[in-house]
Amino acid sequence: MRTAAKLWGTLLLCLCLCMTNAATAGTACSDAPPKPESIQQAFQAAYKLHQRLEQLQPRIALVGRVGQDLSKYGLRYSHIAFVSKDAASGQWRTTHLLNACNSNQSALWHEGLANFFLDDLFAYEALLIVPSPAVQEKLLAIVNDDKRALSMHQPLYNMLAYPFSDKYQNSNQWVLELLTLATSQQVGITPPLATRQQAQQWLKLTGYQPSTLKLNAFTRLGARMFRANVAFDDHPDERRFADLIDTVTVESMASYIRQVDPTSASEVIR
């Protein structure tokens, strides 16, 4: 027991020294190293998720996490990723889009479960969404195909990107647009969706409803002036001038998945 405790302490120390917040989604950027208690909570959340994935053994699933407190907007989760078992190592890994801190740029990341929760989170809780086996099969092939995954990636990041514009992209939007490639194959779309514009048209046709945030002009101006990763010029004027900002959220995605893949399942892991 003493040896295990020593190893745990060493691991926490190494992570504190080595981890930097080079990229983020749904949380604030910070140069400070993670606190030991945050690391411990991240590992506990990762362990609980790992245990459930081991029980369910999906080929691929989606996992949402809590970032900042978004309750004033009626939202709980801020960021979503794909999760699948790495064929070489046998470890569960996440695949997601992250914003480089203090910039409007993003990149695709592959990370372990602990890293997924290793941020200054409001709550260490996960939303696990398991698509139907047929959608899983198609989705796994798409996520594992770098060319197709990158075809839906726009490096210009906007935390509040408009869902039906390809000018910017937020983290959840990339996941949603890749998901359309899999779900559209279920109904035999030929030729298959290949561009972001096509994916967004498919979302409109199949009734995707984004979340709408009420943000007044003063709030928008402050965000635009002080955050490199926030823009509003992709939003329709009539919506923006009415203080209505539509964007892709985990909640709107969960609702859409239930609609297009009715046999999918979801659960909260605390």
C-alpha atoms as a PDB file:
ATOM      1  CA  MET A   1       0.000   0.000   0.000  1.00  0.00           C
ATOM      2  CA  ARG A   2       2.866   2.358   0.842  1.00  0.00           C
ATOM      3  CA  THR A   3       4.455   1.656  -2.555  1.00  0.00           C
ATOM      4  CA  ALA A   4       1.186   2.309  -4.394  1.00  0.00           C
ATOM      5  CA  ALA A   5       0.717   5.575  -2.527  1.00  0.00           C
ATOM      6  CA  LYS A   6       4.259   6.610  -3.398  1.00  0.00           C
ATOM      7  CA  LEU A   7       3.720   5.805  -7.073  1.00  0.00           C
ATOM      8  CA  TRP A   8       0.455   7.758  -7.089  1.00  0.00           C
ATOM      9  CA  GLY A   9       2.155  10.741  -5.518  1.00  0.00           C
ATOM     10  CA  THR A  10       4.995  10.579  -8.027  1.00  0.00           C
ATOM     11  CA  LEU A  11       2.524  10.408 -10.925  1.00  0.00           C
ATOM     12  CA  LEU A  12       0.651  13.457  -9.661  1.00  0.00           C
ATOM     13  CA  LEU A  13       3.906  15.384  -9.262  1.00  0.00           C
ATOM     14  CA  CYS A  14       5.074  14.497 -12.777  1.00  0.00           C
ATOM     15  CA  LEU A  15       1.778  15.557 -14.281  1.00  0.00           C
ATOM     16  CA  CYS A  16       1.860  18.833 -12.364  1.00  0.00           C
ATOM     17  CA  LEU A  17       5.328  19.556 -13.714  1.00  0.00           C
ATOM     18  CA  CYS A  18       4.793  18.354 -17.266  1.00  0.00           C
ATOM     19  CA  MET A  19       1.232  19.290 -18.188  1.00  0.00           C
ATOM     20  CA  THR A  20       0.601  22.661 -19.809  1.00  0.00           C
ATOM     21  CA  ASN A  21      -2.731  24.058 -20.922  1.00  0.00           C
ATOM     22  CA  ALA A  22      -1.650  24.366 -24.546  1.00  0.00           C
ATOM     23  CA  ALA A  23      -5.163  23.662 -25.803  1.00  0.00           C
ATOM     24  CA  THR A  24      -8.606  23.826 -24.340  1.00  0.00           C
ATOM     25  CA  ALA A  25     -12.332  23.559 -24.998  1.00  0.00           C
ATOM     26  CA  GLY A  26     -15.055  24.714 -22.672  1.00  0.00           C
ATOM     27  CA  THR A  27     -12.617  25.983 -20.034  1.00  0.00           C
ATOM     28  CA  ALA A  28     -10.517  29.076 -19.470  1.00  0.00           C
ATOM     29  CA  CYS A  29      -6.851  29.172 -20.519  1.00  0.00           C
ATOM     30  CA  SER A  30      -4.306  29.359 -17.728  1.00  0.00           C
ATOM     31  CA  ASP A  31      -0.524  29.170 -17.442  1.00  0.00           C
ATOM     32  CA  ALA A  32      -0.773  27.670 -13.961  1.00  0.00           C
ATOM     33  CA  PRO A  33      -0.073  23.919 -13.670  1.00  0.00           C
ATOM     34  CA  PRO A  34      -3.019  21.701 -12.685  1.00  0.00           C
ATOM     35  CA  LYS A  35      -3.651  21.447  -8.963  1.00  0.00           C
ATOM     36  CA  PRO A  36      -2.986  18.019  -7.401  1.00  0.00           C
ATOM     37  CA  GLU A  37      -6.627  17.741  -6.324  1.00  0.00           C
ATOM     38  CA  SER A  38      -7.774  18.486  -9.888  1.00  0.00           C
ATOM     39  CA  ILE A  39      -5.477  15.767 -11.200  1.00  0.00           C
ATOM     40  CA  GLN A  40      -6.837  13.303  -8.677  1.00  0.00           C
ATOM     41  CA  GLN A  41     -10.424  14.174  -9.642  1.00  0.00           C
ATOM     42  CA  ALA A  42      -9.528  13.807 -13.328  1.00  0.00           C
ATOM     43  CA  PHE A  43      -8.125  10.320 -12.741  1.00  0.00           C
ATOM     44  CA  GLN A  44     -11.177   9.342 -10.711  1.00  0.00           C
ATOM     45  CA  ALA A  45     -13.510  10.541 -13.487  1.00  0.00           C
ATOM     46  CA  ALA A  46     -11.395   8.729 -16.083  1.00  0.00           C
ATOM     47  CA  TYR A  47     -11.469   5.528 -14.029  1.00  0.00           C
ATOM     48  CA  LYS A  48     -15.275   5.596 -13.745  1.00  0.00           C
ATOM     49  CA  LEU A  49     -15.609   6.196 -17.483  1.00  0.00           C
ATOM     50  CA  HIS A  50     -13.077   3.453 -18.206  1.00  0.00           C
ATOM     51  CA  GLN A  51     -15.003   0.969 -16.066  1.00  0.00           C
ATOM     52  CA  ARG A  52     -18.255   1.709 -17.874  1.00  0.00           C
ATOM     53  CA  LEU A  53     -16.628   1.492 -21.311  1.00  0.00           C
ATOM     54  CA  GLU A  54     -15.135  -1.866 -20.345  1.00  0.00           C
ATOM     55  CA  GLN A  55     -18.617  -3.079 -19.425  1.00  0.00           C
ATOM     56  CA  LEU A  56     -20.289  -1.806 -22.589  1.00  0.00           C
ATOM     57  CA  GLN A  57     -17.411  -2.394 -25.035  1.00  0.00           C
ATOM     58  CA  PRO A  58     -18.645  -0.001 -27.755  1.00  0.00           C
ATOM     59  CA  ARG A  59     -16.563   0.169 -30.903  1.00  0.00           C
ATOM     60  CA  ILE A  60     -16.859   3.949 -30.614  1.00  0.00           C
ATOM     61  CA  ALA A  61     -18.938   6.304 -28.488  1.00  0.00           C
ATOM     62  CA  LEU A  62     -19.207   9.999 -27.676  1.00  0.00           C
ATOM     63  CA  VAL A  63     -18.345  11.499 -24.306  1.00  0.00           C
ATOM     64  CA  GLY A  64     -19.225  14.979 -23.080  1.00  0.00           C
ATOM     65  CA  ARG A  65     -17.647  16.767 -20.142  1.00  0.00           C
ATOM     66  CA  VAL A  66     -18.523  19.716 -17.945  1.00  0.00           C
ATOM     67  CA  GLY A  67     -16.258  22.735 -18.430  1.00  0.00           C
ATOM     68  CA  GLN A  68     -17.322  26.099 -17.076  1.00  0.00           C
ATOM     69  CA  ASP A  69     -20.588  26.598 -15.213  1.00  0.00           C
ATOM     70  CA  LEU A  70     -23.072  27.177 -18.050  1.00  0.00           C
ATOM     71  CA  SER A  71     -26.235  26.871 -15.965  1.00  0.00           C
ATOM     72  CA  LYS A  72     -27.305  30.451 -16.726  1.00  0.00           C
ATOM     73  CA  TYR A  73     -27.678  29.340 -20.364  1.00  0.00           C
ATOM     74  CA  GLY A  74     -29.543  26.173 -19.434  1.00  0.00           C
ATOM     75  CA  LEU A  75     -26.535  24.014 -20.358  1.00  0.00           C
ATOM     76  CA  ARG A  76     -24.545  21.428 -18.393  1.00  0.00           C
ATOM     77  CA  TYR A  77     -21.853  20.106 -20.747  1.00  0.00           C
ATOM     78  CA  SER A  78     -19.424  22.215 -22.748  1.00  0.00           C
ATOM     79  CA  HIS A  79     -17.320  19.821 -24.820  1.00  0.00           C
ATOM     80  CA  ILE A  80     -17.694  16.466 -26.567  1.00  0.00           C
ATOM     81  CA  ALA A  81     -15.270  13.935 -28.049  1.00  0.00           C
ATOM     82  CA  PHE A  82     -15.223  10.535 -29.674  1.00  0.00           C
ATOM     83  CA  VAL A  83     -13.913   7.700 -27.518  1.00  0.00           C
ATOM     84  CA  SER A  84     -12.679   4.359 -28.849  1.00  0.00           C
ATOM     85  CA  LYS A  85     -10.211   1.638 -27.930  1.00  0.00           C
ATOM     86  CA  ASP A  86      -6.787   1.991 -29.527  1.00  0.00           C
ATOM     87  CA  ALA A  87      -6.060  -1.194 -31.478  1.00  0.00           C
ATOM     88  CA  ALA A  88      -2.334  -1.194 -30.712  1.00  0.00           C
ATOM     89  CA  SER A  89      -2.347  -0.430 -26.985  1.00  0.00           C
ATOM     90  CA  GLY A  90      -5.819  -1.643 -26.017  1.00  0.00           C
ATOM     91  CA  GLN A  91      -6.380   1.653 -24.160  1.00  0.00           C
ATOM     92  CA  TRP A  92      -9.451   3.859 -24.457  1.00  0.00           C
ATOM     93  CA  ARG A  93      -8.598   7.155 -26.130  1.00  0.00           C
ATOM     94  CA  THR A  94     -10.485  10.308 -27.021  1.00  0.00           C
ATOM     95  CA  THR A  95     -10.388  12.055 -30.385  1.00  0.00           C
ATOM     96  CA  HIS A  96     -11.486  15.666 -30.390  1.00  0.00           C
ATOM     97  CA  LEU A  97     -10.867  19.209 -31.575  1.00  0.00           C
ATOM     98  CA  LEU A  98      -9.145  21.652 -29.215  1.00  0.00           C
ATOM     99  CA  ASN A  99      -8.512  25.378 -29.407  1.00  0.00           C
ATOM    100  CA  ALA A 100      -4.920  26.579 -28.920  1.00  0.00           C
ATOM    101  CA  CYS A 101      -4.925  28.889 -25.897  1.00  0.00           C
ATOM    102  CA  ASN A 102      -5.150  32.630 -26.553  1.00  0.00           C
ATOM    103  CA  SER A 103      -5.632  32.097 -30.272  1.00  0.00           C
ATOM    104  CA  ASN A 104      -8.299  31.472 -32.910  1.00  0.00           C
ATOM    105  CA  GLN A 105      -6.652  28.260 -34.117  1.00  0.00           C
ATOM    106  CA  SER A 106      -7.556  24.628 -33.463  1.00  0.00           C
ATOM    107  CA  ALA A 107      -6.177  21.143 -34.045  1.00  0.00           C
ATOM    108  CA  LEU A 108      -7.307  17.534 -33.686  1.00  0.00           C
ATOM    109  CA  TRP A 109      -6.032  15.689 -30.621  1.00  0.00           C
ATOM    110  CA  HIS A 110      -5.831  12.045 -29.529  1.00  0.00           C
ATOM    111  CA  GLU A 111      -5.634  11.700 -25.747  1.00  0.00           C
ATOM    112  CA  GLY A 112      -6.114   9.265 -22.909  1.00  0.00           C
ATOM    113  CA  LEU A 113      -9.174   9.443 -20.672  1.00  0.00           C
ATOM    114  CA  ALA A 114      -7.372  11.183 -17.807  1.00  0.00           C
ATOM    115  CA  ASN A 115      -6.156  13.978 -20.099  1.00  0.00           C
ATOM    116  CA  PHE A 116      -9.727  14.497 -21.295  1.00  0.00           C
ATOM    117  CA  PHE A 117     -10.716  15.480 -17.754  1.00  0.00           C
ATOM    118  CA  LEU A 118      -7.436  17.169 -16.871  1.00  0.00           C
ATOM    119  CA  ASP A 119      -8.619  20.749 -16.915  1.00  0.00           C
ATOM    120  CA  ASP A 120     -10.087  23.238 -14.481  1.00  0.00           C
ATOM    121  CA  LEU A 121     -13.566  21.725 -14.679  1.00  0.00           C
ATOM    122  CA  PHE A 122     -16.668  22.935 -12.876  1.00  0.00           C
ATOM    123  CA  ALA A 123     -17.701  19.312 -12.244  1.00  0.00           C
ATOM    124  CA  TYR A 124     -16.071  15.950 -12.952  1.00  0.00           C
ATOM    125  CA  GLU A 125     -18.969  14.307 -14.702  1.00  0.00           C
ATOM    126  CA  ALA A 126     -19.366  12.685 -18.106  1.00  0.00           C
ATOM    127  CA  LEU A 127     -22.235  12.199 -20.534  1.00  0.00           C
ATOM    128  CA  LEU A 128     -21.681   8.947 -22.417  1.00  0.00           C
ATOM    129  CA  ILE A 129     -23.579   8.506 -25.701  1.00  0.00           C
ATOM    130  CA  VAL A 130     -23.398   5.094 -27.365  1.00  0.00           C
ATOM    131  CA  PRO A 131     -24.699   5.041 -30.964  1.00  0.00           C
ATOM    132  CA  SER A 132     -26.389   1.994 -32.448  1.00  0.00           C
ATOM    133  CA  PRO A 133     -23.996  -0.754 -33.650  1.00  0.00           C
ATOM    134  CA  ALA A 134     -24.601   0.128 -37.309  1.00  0.00           C
ATOM    135  CA  VAL A 135     -23.728   3.803 -36.765  1.00  0.00           C
ATOM    136  CA  GLN A 136     -20.735   2.821 -34.618  1.00  0.00           C
ATOM    137  CA  GLU A 137     -19.302   0.739 -37.455  1.00  0.00           C
ATOM    138  CA  LYS A 138     -19.510   3.602 -39.945  1.00  0.00           C
ATOM    139  CA  LEU A 139     -18.401   6.228 -37.441  1.00  0.00           C
ATOM    140  CA  LEU A 140     -15.297   4.307 -36.390  1.00  0.00           C
ATOM    141  CA  ALA A 141     -14.158   3.977 -40.002  1.00  0.00           C
ATOM    142  CA  ILE A 142     -14.586   7.733 -40.511  1.00  0.00           C
ATOM    143  CA  VAL A 143     -12.825   8.812 -37.302  1.00  0.00           C
ATOM    144  CA  ASN A 144      -9.921   6.462 -38.022  1.00  0.00           C
ATOM    145  CA  ASP A 145      -9.547   7.853 -41.549  1.00  0.00           C
ATOM    146  CA  ASP A 146      -7.325  10.932 -41.163  1.00  0.00           C
ATOM    147  CA  LYS A 147      -8.264  12.284 -44.577  1.00  0.00           C
ATOM    148  CA  ARG A 148     -11.991  12.194 -43.868  1.00  0.00           C
ATOM    149  CA  ALA A 149     -11.586  13.497 -40.316  1.00  0.00           C
ATOM    150  CA  LEU A 150      -9.536  16.439 -41.578  1.00  0.00           C
ATOM    151  CA  SER A 151     -11.983  17.124 -44.410  1.00  0.00           C
ATOM    152  CA  MET A 152     -14.455  18.361 -41.787  1.00  0.00           C
ATOM    153  CA  HIS A 153     -11.888  20.421 -39.862  1.00  0.00           C
ATOM    154  CA  GLN A 154     -11.717  24.204 -40.110  1.00  0.00           C
ATOM    155  CA  PRO A 155      -8.634  25.457 -38.198  1.00  0.00           C
ATOM    156  CA  LEU A 156     -10.224  28.895 -37.617  1.00  0.00           C
ATOM    157  CA  TYR A 157     -11.802  28.395 -34.204  1.00  0.00           C
ATOM    158  CA  ASN A 158     -14.804  30.261 -32.845  1.00  0.00           C
ATOM    159  CA  MET A 159     -16.237  29.192 -29.502  1.00  0.00           C
ATOM    160  CA  LEU A 160     -19.702  30.365 -30.626  1.00  0.00           C
ATOM    161  CA  ALA A 161     -19.498  29.362 -34.285  1.00  0.00           C
ATOM    162  CA  TYR A 162     -22.758  29.459 -36.234  1.00  0.00           C
ATOM    163  CA  PRO A 163     -23.798  25.857 -37.032  1.00  0.00           C
ATOM    164  CA  PHE A 164     -24.675  26.557 -40.679  1.00  0.00           C
ATOM    165  CA  SER A 165     -21.558  28.461 -41.715  1.00  0.00           C
ATOM    166  CA  ASP A 166     -18.153  27.062 -42.658  1.00  0.00           C
ATOM    167  CA  LYS A 167     -16.254  30.260 -41.830  1.00  0.00           C
ATOM    168  CA  TYR A 168     -15.272  29.029 -38.356  1.00  0.00           C
ATOM    169  CA  GLN A 169     -15.744  25.906 -36.278  1.00  0.00           C
ATOM    170  CA  ASN A 170     -16.021  25.027 -32.606  1.00  0.00           C
ATOM    171  CA  SER A 171     -15.078  21.731 -30.993  1.00  0.00           C
ATOM    172  CA  ASN A 172     -18.594  20.326 -30.826  1.00  0.00           C
ATOM    173  CA  GLN A 173     -19.306  21.332 -34.414  1.00  0.00           C
ATOM    174  CA  TRP A 174     -16.488  19.163 -35.746  1.00  0.00           C
ATOM    175  CA  VAL A 175     -17.868  16.127 -33.913  1.00  0.00           C
ATOM    176  CA  LEU A 176     -21.388  16.832 -35.168  1.00  0.00           C
ATOM    177  CA  GLU A 177     -20.300  17.265 -38.782  1.00  0.00           C
ATOM    178  CA  LEU A 178     -18.331  14.013 -38.716  1.00  0.00           C
ATOM    179  CA  LEU A 179     -21.380  12.325 -37.234  1.00  0.00           C
ATOM    180  CA  THR A 180     -23.423  13.367 -40.274  1.00  0.00           C
ATOM    181  CA  LEU A 181     -21.087  11.332 -42.487  1.00  0.00           C
ATOM    182  CA  ALA A 182     -22.028   8.193 -40.568  1.00  0.00           C
ATOM    183  CA  THR A 183     -25.758   8.814 -40.114  1.00  0.00           C
ATOM    184  CA  SER A 184     -26.288   9.878 -43.727  1.00  0.00           C
ATOM    185  CA  GLN A 185     -24.809   6.569 -44.869  1.00  0.00           C
ATOM    186  CA  GLN A 186     -27.571   4.848 -42.918  1.00  0.00           C
ATOM    187  CA  VAL A 187     -30.118   6.117 -45.432  1.00  0.00           C
ATOM    188  CA  GLY A 188     -27.942   5.551 -48.485  1.00  0.00           C
ATOM    189  CA  ILE A 189     -26.910   9.103 -49.406  1.00  0.00           C
ATOM    190  CA  THR A 190     -25.038   8.815 -52.741  1.00  0.00           C
ATOM    191  CA  PRO A 191     -22.533  10.238 -53.284  1.00  0.00           C
ATOM    192  CA  PRO A 192     -21.639  10.445 -49.589  1.00  0.00           C
ATOM    193  CA  LEU A 193     -21.256  13.805 -47.873  1.00  0.00           C
ATOM    194  CA  ALA A 194     -17.759  15.155 -48.477  1.00  0.00           C
ATOM    195  CA  THR A 195     -17.704  18.817 -47.444  1.00  0.00           C
ATOM    196  CA  ARG A 196     -18.724  20.907 -44.465  1.00  0.00           C
ATOM    197  CA  GLN A 197     -21.333  22.711 -46.592  1.00  0.00           C
ATOM    198  CA  GLN A 198     -22.934  19.383 -47.506  1.00  0.00           C
ATOM    199  CA  ALA A 199     -22.858  18.231 -43.885  1.00  0.00           C
ATOM    200  CA  GLN A 200     -24.568  21.427 -42.769  1.00  0.00           C
ATOM    201  CA  GLN A 201     -27.240  21.107 -45.440  1.00  0.00           C
ATOM    202  CA  TRP A 202     -27.871  17.566 -44.222  1.00  0.00           C
ATOM    203  CA  LEU A 203     -28.241  18.862 -40.659  1.00  0.00           C
ATOM    204  CA  LYS A 204     -30.862  21.335 -41.842  1.00  0.00           C
ATOM    205  CA  LEU A 205     -32.740  18.683 -43.818  1.00  0.00           C
ATOM    206  CA  THR A 206     -32.799  16.293 -40.865  1.00  0.00           C
ATOM    207  CA  GLY A 207     -34.000  18.901 -38.384  1.00  0.00           C
ATOM    208  CA  TYR A 208     -30.942  19.660 -36.282  1.00  0.00           C
ATOM    209  CA  GLN A 209     -31.780  22.415 -33.774  1.00  0.00           C
ATOM    210  CA  PRO A 210     -28.823  24.322 -32.297  1.00  0.00           C
ATOM    211  CA  SER A 211     -28.881  25.832 -28.827  1.00  0.00           C
ATOM    212  CA  THR A 212     -29.743  29.523 -28.723  1.00  0.00           C
ATOM    213  CA  LEU A 213     -27.928  31.782 -26.278  1.00  0.00           C
ATOM    214  CA  LYS A 214     -29.260  35.202 -25.346  1.00  0.00           C
ATOM    215  CA  LEU A 215     -26.262  37.550 -25.586  1.00  0.00           C
ATOM    216  CA  ASN A 216     -26.752  41.318 -25.707  1.00  0.00           C
ATOM    217  CA  ALA A 217     -24.573  43.674 -27.734  1.00  0.00           C
ATOM    218  CA  PHE A 218     -22.491  44.699 -24.717  1.00  0.00           C
ATOM    219  CA  THR A 219     -21.667  41.061 -23.892  1.00  0.00           C
ATOM    220  CA  ARG A 220     -20.820  40.312 -27.519  1.00  0.00           C
ATOM    221  CA  LEU A 221     -18.564  43.366 -27.776  1.00  0.00           C
ATOM    222  CA  GLY A 222     -16.692  42.434 -24.597  1.00  0.00           C
ATOM    223  CA  ALA A 223     -16.201  38.854 -25.764  1.00  0.00           C
ATOM    224  CA  ARG A 224     -15.006  39.957 -29.190  1.00  0.00           C
ATOM    225  CA  MET A 225     -12.542  42.478 -27.757  1.00  0.00           C
ATOM    226  CA  PHE A 226     -10.975  40.287 -25.096  1.00  0.00           C
ATOM    227  CA  ARG A 227     -11.221  36.747 -26.484  1.00  0.00           C
ATOM    228  CA  ALA A 228      -9.300  35.715 -29.597  1.00  0.00           C
ATOM    229  CA  ASN A 229     -11.502  32.649 -29.972  1.00  0.00           C
ATOM    230  CA  VAL A 230     -14.887  34.401 -30.104  1.00  0.00           C
ATOM    231  CA  ALA A 231     -16.466  35.954 -33.206  1.00  0.00           C
ATOM    232  CA  PHE A 232     -19.999  36.760 -34.328  1.00  0.00           C
ATOM    233  CA  ASP A 233     -19.590  37.758 -37.976  1.00  0.00           C
ATOM    234  CA  ASP A 234     -20.669  34.303 -39.169  1.00  0.00           C
ATOM    235  CA  HIS A 235     -24.113  34.669 -37.556  1.00  0.00           C
ATOM    236  CA  PRO A 236     -27.092  35.966 -39.572  1.00  0.00           C
ATOM    237  CA  ASP A 237     -27.656  39.676 -38.937  1.00  0.00           C
ATOM    238  CA  GLU A 238     -31.319  39.269 -38.055  1.00  0.00           C
ATOM    239  CA  ARG A 239     -30.489  36.756 -35.316  1.00  0.00           C
ATOM    240  CA  ARG A 240     -27.427  38.593 -34.019  1.00  0.00           C
ATOM    241  CA  PHE A 241     -29.182  41.979 -33.818  1.00  0.00           C
ATOM    242  CA  ALA A 242     -31.970  40.281 -31.874  1.00  0.00           C
ATOM    243  CA  ASP A 243     -29.309  39.110 -29.360  1.00  0.00           C
ATOM    244  CA  LEU A 244     -29.858  35.476 -30.399  1.00  0.00           C
ATOM    245  CA  ILE A 245     -26.701  33.420 -30.904  1.00  0.00           C
ATOM    246  CA  ASP A 246     -27.161  29.892 -32.268  1.00  0.00           C
ATOM    247  CA  THR A 247     -24.349  27.412 -31.692  1.00  0.00           C
ATOM    248  CA  VAL A 248     -23.580  23.696 -31.449  1.00  0.00           C
ATOM    249  CA  THR A 249     -23.705  22.397 -27.876  1.00  0.00           C
ATOM    250  CA  VAL A 250     -23.452  18.953 -26.329  1.00  0.00           C
ATOM    251  CA  GLU A 251     -27.121  19.118 -25.366  1.00  0.00           C
ATOM    252  CA  SER A 252     -28.256  19.971 -28.897  1.00  0.00           C
ATOM    253  CA  MET A 253     -26.104  17.143 -30.253  1.00  0.00           C
ATOM    254  CA  ALA A 254     -27.511  14.633 -27.754  1.00  0.00           C
ATOM    255  CA  SER A 255     -31.038  15.572 -28.810  1.00  0.00           C
ATOM    256  CA  TYR A 256     -30.142  15.260 -32.513  1.00  0.00           C
ATOM    257  CA  ILE A 257     -28.531  11.848 -32.039  1.00  0.00           C
ATOM    258  CA  ARG A 258     -31.697  10.546 -30.353  1.00  0.00           C
ATOM    259  CA  GLN A 259     -33.620  11.794 -33.389  1.00  0.00           C
ATOM    260  CA  VAL A 260     -31.461  10.313 -36.163  1.00  0.00           C
ATOM    261  CA  ASP A 261     -30.319   7.199 -34.278  1.00  0.00           C
ATOM    262  CA  PRO A 262     -33.283   6.232 -32.072  1.00  0.00           C
ATOM    263  CA  THR A 263     -31.660   3.077 -30.665  1.00  0.00           C
ATOM    264  CA  SER A 264     -28.637   4.983 -29.357  1.00  0.00           C
ATOM    265  CA  ALA A 265     -28.272   5.120 -25.575  1.00  0.00           C
ATOM    266  CA  SER A 266     -26.948   7.753 -23.173  1.00  0.00           C
ATOM    267  CA  GLU A 267     -26.122   7.945 -19.492  1.00  0.00           C
ATOM    268  CA  VAL A 268     -24.483  10.252 -16.993  1.00  0.00           C
ATOM    269  CA  ILE A 269     -21.352   9.002 -15.237  1.00  0.00           C
ATOM    270  CA  ARG A 270     -20.503  10.676 -11.908  1.00  0.00           C
END
